[in-house]
N, C-alpha and C. Protein backbone atom coordinates (compact mmCIF):
# COMPACT_ATOMS: atom_id res chain seq x y z
N MET A 1 -16.59 -3.61 -8.03
CA MET A 1 -16.82 -5.58 -7.35
C MET A 1 -15.10 -5.53 -6.40
N LEU A 2 -15.75 -5.51 -5.08
CA LEU A 2 -13.88 -5.87 -4.08
C LEU A 2 -13.36 -7.72 -4.49
N MET A 3 -12.66 -7.42 -4.91
CA MET A 3 -11.39 -8.71 -5.19
C MET A 3 -11.72 -9.02 -3.94
N ASN A 4 -11.89 -10.50 -3.89
CA ASN A 4 -11.63 -11.44 -3.22
C ASN A 4 -10.25 -12.05 -2.69
N GLU A 5 -10.62 -11.74 -0.76
CA GLU A 5 -8.81 -11.63 -0.19
C GLU A 5 -8.59 -12.83 -0.57
N ALA A 6 -8.64 -14.25 -0.79
CA ALA A 6 -7.84 -15.03 -1.02
C ALA A 6 -7.07 -15.18 -2.11
N SER A 7 -7.74 -14.31 -3.02
CA SER A 7 -6.62 -14.59 -4.29
C SER A 7 -6.01 -13.05 -4.58
N ILE A 8 -5.87 -12.72 -3.43
CA ILE A 8 -4.47 -11.24 -3.12
C ILE A 8 -3.23 -12.37 -3.20
N ALA A 9 -1.86 -12.30 -4.02
CA ALA A 9 -1.01 -13.05 -3.31
C ALA A 9 0.19 -12.65 -2.46
N GLY A 10 0.80 -13.32 -1.96
CA GLY A 10 1.85 -12.46 -1.21
C GLY A 10 2.80 -12.58 -1.57
N GLY A 11 4.05 -12.65 -1.02
CA GLY A 11 5.67 -12.45 -1.63
C GLY A 11 6.68 -13.31 -1.28
N ILE A 12 7.40 -13.38 -1.18
CA ILE A 12 8.49 -14.27 -1.75
C ILE A 12 8.60 -15.28 -0.24
N VAL A 13 9.07 -14.39 0.30
CA VAL A 13 9.37 -14.26 1.94
C VAL A 13 8.15 -14.23 3.01
N HIS A 14 7.74 -13.42 2.60
CA HIS A 14 6.49 -13.13 3.63
C HIS A 14 5.25 -13.93 2.92
N ARG A 15 4.62 -14.40 4.04
CA ARG A 15 3.04 -14.20 3.88
C ARG A 15 2.28 -12.77 3.46
N MET A 16 1.28 -13.16 3.41
CA MET A 16 0.70 -11.63 3.11
C MET A 16 -0.36 -11.39 3.99
N PRO A 17 -0.09 -9.92 5.10
CA PRO A 17 -0.80 -10.23 6.60
C PRO A 17 -1.99 -9.93 6.16
N ALA A 18 -3.33 -9.85 7.35
CA ALA A 18 -4.43 -10.01 6.67
C ALA A 18 -4.45 -9.25 7.14
N ASP A 19 -4.13 -7.61 7.99
CA ASP A 19 -4.45 -6.40 7.68
C ASP A 19 -4.32 -5.77 6.69
N LEU A 20 -3.07 -6.15 5.45
CA LEU A 20 -3.06 -5.77 4.39
C LEU A 20 -3.97 -6.15 3.39
N LYS A 21 -4.12 -7.42 3.10
CA LYS A 21 -4.88 -8.27 2.43
C LYS A 21 -6.48 -7.37 2.53
N MET A 22 -7.14 -7.03 4.05
CA MET A 22 -8.09 -6.32 3.67
C MET A 22 -8.31 -4.98 3.50
N ALA A 23 -7.15 -4.58 3.60
CA ALA A 23 -6.71 -2.77 2.89
C ALA A 23 -6.82 -2.98 1.37
N LEU A 24 -6.21 -4.09 0.86
CA LEU A 24 -6.14 -3.88 -0.87
C LEU A 24 -7.57 -4.69 -1.10
N ALA A 25 -7.92 -5.44 -0.68
CA ALA A 25 -9.49 -6.40 -1.02
C ALA A 25 -10.12 -5.03 -1.12
N ASP A 26 -10.37 -3.72 -0.23
CA ASP A 26 -10.94 -2.30 0.09
C ASP A 26 -10.86 -1.50 -1.51
N ALA A 27 -9.65 -1.93 -2.40
CA ALA A 27 -9.10 -0.63 -2.45
C ALA A 27 -8.62 -1.21 -4.29
N PRO A 28 -9.96 -1.48 -4.69
CA PRO A 28 -9.61 -2.17 -6.30
C PRO A 28 -8.18 -1.96 -7.53
N THR A 29 -7.78 -0.81 -7.24
CA THR A 29 -7.01 0.41 -8.06
C THR A 29 -6.21 -0.33 -7.51
N ALA A 30 -6.01 -0.32 -6.05
CA ALA A 30 -4.34 -0.78 -5.77
C ALA A 30 -4.10 -2.33 -5.51
N VAL A 31 -5.56 -2.77 -5.73
CA VAL A 31 -5.27 -4.31 -5.86
C VAL A 31 -4.51 -4.61 -6.63
N ALA A 32 -5.48 -4.04 -8.08
CA ALA A 32 -4.85 -4.45 -9.27
C ALA A 32 -3.45 -3.97 -9.38
N ALA A 33 -3.00 -3.15 -9.01
CA ALA A 33 -1.74 -2.85 -8.50
C ALA A 33 -0.18 -3.96 -8.13
N TRP A 34 -1.07 -4.22 -7.50
CA TRP A 34 -0.78 -4.91 -5.97
C TRP A 34 -0.36 -6.79 -7.28
N GLN A 35 -1.48 -7.18 -7.95
CA GLN A 35 -1.20 -7.59 -8.65
C GLN A 35 -0.66 -7.82 -9.87
N SER A 36 -0.64 -6.42 -10.19
CA SER A 36 1.16 -6.71 -11.43
C SER A 36 2.19 -6.97 -11.06
N LEU A 37 2.40 -6.69 -9.48
CA LEU A 37 3.73 -6.80 -8.89
C LEU A 37 4.43 -8.36 -9.56
N THR A 38 5.77 -7.71 -9.58
CA THR A 38 6.46 -9.32 -8.84
C THR A 38 6.59 -9.95 -7.91
N PRO A 39 6.65 -11.37 -7.24
CA PRO A 39 6.78 -11.76 -6.54
C PRO A 39 7.33 -10.84 -4.84
N LEU A 40 8.81 -9.99 -5.45
CA LEU A 40 9.62 -9.60 -5.20
C LEU A 40 9.24 -8.61 -4.99
N ALA A 41 8.85 -7.95 -5.57
CA ALA A 41 8.23 -6.11 -5.11
C ALA A 41 7.18 -6.66 -4.37
N ARG A 42 6.16 -7.89 -4.02
CA ARG A 42 5.16 -7.52 -3.02
C ARG A 42 5.53 -7.93 -1.28
N ASN A 43 7.10 -8.80 -2.04
CA ASN A 43 7.30 -9.15 -0.39
C ASN A 43 8.02 -7.76 0.02
N GLU A 44 8.41 -6.90 -0.86
CA GLU A 44 9.21 -5.99 -0.42
C GLU A 44 8.07 -4.92 0.63
N TRP A 45 7.20 -4.73 -0.29
CA TRP A 45 5.79 -3.98 0.06
C TRP A 45 5.13 -5.05 1.27
N ILE A 46 5.44 -5.79 1.40
CA ILE A 46 4.80 -6.52 2.59
C ILE A 46 5.94 -6.37 3.83
N CYS A 47 7.04 -6.65 3.97
CA CYS A 47 8.19 -6.22 4.58
C CYS A 47 8.36 -4.57 4.88
N TRP A 48 8.54 -3.94 4.67
CA TRP A 48 8.09 -2.83 4.79
C TRP A 48 6.87 -1.98 5.26
N ALA A 49 5.53 -2.66 5.73
CA ALA A 49 4.93 -2.50 6.26
C ALA A 49 4.92 -3.08 7.63
N VAL A 50 5.47 -4.30 7.91
CA VAL A 50 5.24 -5.22 9.02
C VAL A 50 6.67 -5.18 10.06
N THR A 51 7.58 -4.13 9.74
CA THR A 51 8.74 -4.77 10.20
C THR A 51 8.93 -3.08 11.09
N VAL A 52 7.78 -2.73 11.10
CA VAL A 52 7.52 -1.35 12.44
C VAL A 52 7.49 -2.53 13.71
N LYS A 53 7.64 -1.34 14.41
CA LYS A 53 7.75 -2.07 15.99
C LYS A 53 6.06 -1.62 16.77
N GLN A 54 5.28 -0.24 16.86
CA GLN A 54 4.41 -0.13 17.16
C GLN A 54 2.73 -0.27 16.09
N GLN A 55 1.95 -0.69 16.78
CA GLN A 55 1.12 -0.52 15.76
C GLN A 55 0.11 -0.01 15.07
N ARG A 56 0.36 1.51 15.30
CA ARG A 56 0.15 2.59 15.07
C ARG A 56 0.89 2.88 13.84
N THR A 57 1.97 2.82 13.64
CA THR A 57 3.23 3.14 12.25
C THR A 57 2.64 2.10 11.86
N ARG A 58 2.26 0.54 11.96
CA ARG A 58 1.97 -0.43 10.93
C ARG A 58 0.62 -0.03 10.64
N ASP A 59 -0.36 0.17 11.37
CA ASP A 59 -1.42 1.25 10.44
C ASP A 59 -0.92 2.19 9.51
N GLU A 60 -0.28 2.67 9.65
CA GLU A 60 -0.12 3.76 9.04
C GLU A 60 0.61 3.61 7.57
N HIS A 61 1.89 2.97 7.69
CA HIS A 61 2.24 1.69 7.03
C HIS A 61 0.75 1.28 5.58
N VAL A 62 0.16 0.46 6.52
CA VAL A 62 -0.34 -0.27 5.58
C VAL A 62 -1.77 0.91 4.48
N LYS A 63 -2.00 1.68 5.39
CA LYS A 63 -2.76 3.16 4.48
C LYS A 63 -1.67 3.07 3.30
N ARG A 64 -0.38 2.97 3.84
CA ARG A 64 0.48 4.69 3.00
C ARG A 64 0.33 2.86 1.51
N VAL A 65 0.84 2.02 1.50
CA VAL A 65 0.81 0.62 0.43
C VAL A 65 -0.21 0.96 -0.38
N VAL A 66 -1.41 0.98 0.05
CA VAL A 66 -2.94 1.69 -0.58
C VAL A 66 -2.70 2.25 -1.21
N SER A 67 -2.16 3.79 -0.87
CA SER A 67 -1.98 4.83 -1.71
C SER A 67 -1.23 5.05 -2.31
N ALA A 68 -0.10 4.19 -2.33
CA ALA A 68 1.13 4.96 -2.86
C ALA A 68 0.92 3.60 -4.08
N LEU A 69 0.42 2.97 -4.19
CA LEU A 69 0.09 1.36 -5.69
C LEU A 69 -1.40 2.62 -6.10
N LYS A 70 -1.92 3.46 -5.50
CA LYS A 70 -3.23 3.83 -6.40
C LYS A 70 -2.18 4.99 -7.30
N GLU A 71 -1.37 4.96 -6.62
CA GLU A 71 -0.67 6.37 -7.01
C GLU A 71 0.57 5.56 -8.10
N GLY A 72 0.42 4.04 -8.39
CA GLY A 72 1.47 3.71 -9.41
C GLY A 72 3.05 3.48 -9.50
N MET A 73 3.44 3.50 -7.54
CA MET A 73 4.21 3.63 -7.05
C MET A 73 4.52 1.61 -7.24
N ARG A 74 5.69 1.10 -7.45
CA ARG A 74 5.62 -0.14 -8.14
C ARG A 74 6.77 -0.64 -6.70
N ARG A 75 7.67 0.15 -5.90
CA ARG A 75 8.62 0.02 -4.64
C ARG A 75 8.21 0.68 -3.58
N PRO A 76 8.54 0.25 -2.45
CA PRO A 76 8.54 1.52 -1.17
C PRO A 76 9.90 2.40 -1.78
N CYS A 77 9.45 3.59 -1.46
CA CYS A 77 10.53 4.32 -2.21
C CYS A 77 11.73 4.60 -0.28
N CYS A 78 13.06 4.41 -0.77
CA CYS A 78 13.80 4.95 0.20
C CYS A 78 14.49 3.43 1.28
N TRP A 79 13.44 2.56 0.63
CA TRP A 79 13.41 0.75 1.53
C TRP A 79 14.57 0.35 0.90
N LEU A 80 15.94 -0.07 1.91
CA LEU A 80 16.47 -0.76 1.24
C LEU A 80 16.48 -2.15 0.81
N GLY A 81 15.42 -2.08 1.36
CA GLY A 81 14.59 -4.35 0.63
C GLY A 81 14.85 -5.07 1.73
N CYS A 82 14.34 -6.30 1.61
CA CYS A 82 13.26 -7.35 2.47
C CYS A 82 15.23 -7.47 2.77
N PHE A 83 15.52 -7.42 4.27
CA PHE A 83 16.44 -8.37 5.19
C PHE A 83 16.55 -9.49 5.97
N HIS A 84 14.76 -10.08 5.38
CA HIS A 84 15.27 -11.40 5.72
C HIS A 84 14.57 -12.17 4.59
N ARG A 85 15.23 -11.83 3.47
CA ARG A 85 15.43 -13.12 2.62
C ARG A 85 16.82 -13.98 3.02
N LYS A 86 16.71 -15.33 3.15
CA LYS A 86 18.06 -15.88 3.12
C LYS A 86 18.48 -16.32 1.73
N ASP A 87 17.95 -16.07 0.93
CA ASP A 87 18.63 -16.46 -0.88
C ASP A 87 19.61 -16.11 -1.29
N LYS A 88 19.74 -14.53 -0.58
CA LYS A 88 21.31 -13.75 -1.35
C LYS A 88 21.69 -13.07 -0.21
N ALA A 89 22.83 -12.69 -0.51
CA ALA A 89 23.31 -11.96 0.64
C ALA A 89 23.19 -10.73 0.99
N LEU A 90 23.34 -10.08 1.81
CA LEU A 90 22.64 -8.51 2.81
C LEU A 90 24.19 -7.60 1.28
N SER A 91 22.96 -6.76 0.43
CA SER A 91 24.40 -5.62 0.16
C SER A 91 25.13 -5.08 1.42
N PRO A 92 26.25 -4.83 1.21
CA PRO A 92 27.23 -3.74 2.11
C PRO A 92 26.66 -2.37 2.32
N SER A 93 25.96 -1.58 1.66
CA SER A 93 25.04 -0.70 1.77
C SER A 93 23.89 -1.22 2.78
N VAL A 94 23.52 -1.99 2.68
CA VAL A 94 22.51 -2.18 3.58
C VAL A 94 23.17 -3.06 5.09
N GLN A 95 24.37 -3.54 4.87
CA GLN A 95 24.67 -3.87 6.63
C GLN A 95 25.09 -2.63 7.31
N TRP A 96 26.02 -1.68 6.24
CA TRP A 96 25.86 -0.51 6.61
C TRP A 96 24.95 0.28 7.52
N VAL A 97 24.03 -0.02 6.86
CA VAL A 97 22.91 0.86 7.67
C VAL A 97 22.49 -0.31 8.55
N LEU A 98 22.33 -1.51 9.13
CA LEU A 98 21.69 -2.21 9.40
C LEU A 98 22.77 -2.44 11.30
N HIS A 99 23.83 -2.19 10.61
CA HIS A 99 24.99 -2.14 11.36
C HIS A 99 24.74 -0.60 12.16
N LYS A 100 24.45 0.66 11.38
CA LYS A 100 24.71 1.86 12.28
C LYS A 100 23.72 2.10 12.93
N ARG A 101 22.24 1.45 12.70
CA ARG A 101 21.05 1.21 13.38
C ARG A 101 21.09 0.43 14.76
N SER A 102 21.74 -0.44 14.77
CA SER A 102 22.20 -1.07 15.64
C SER A 102 22.63 0.06 16.83
N LYS A 103 23.55 0.80 16.54
CA LYS A 103 24.65 1.40 17.36
C LYS A 103 23.96 2.61 18.18
N LEU A 104 22.76 2.89 17.05
CA LEU A 104 21.55 4.11 17.85
C LEU A 104 20.85 3.45 19.24
N ARG A 105 20.36 2.23 18.65
CA ARG A 105 19.30 1.70 20.10
C ARG A 105 20.18 1.61 21.09
């Protein structure tokens, strides 16, 4: 039985994007894992999936979210965390990485 897309929760800062919601709804194991995550963990997955520049990369990230959840991952690996959150300051390590990235552009 497929999950009703309307009942798949989003994150703290980010709303659930339609492409990720559809991908999860088609994978009962992944959606069960998704529903067991905290809102903060869901937010990090959403942020990781949507903060890329190219649609092809985003499509790959959406697929990887589903496959990673099926494998039992609870957070994106090697992800700095969502820098869109306004309820807490960025950590010094995240500030350093973002500064370094801005110099490379």
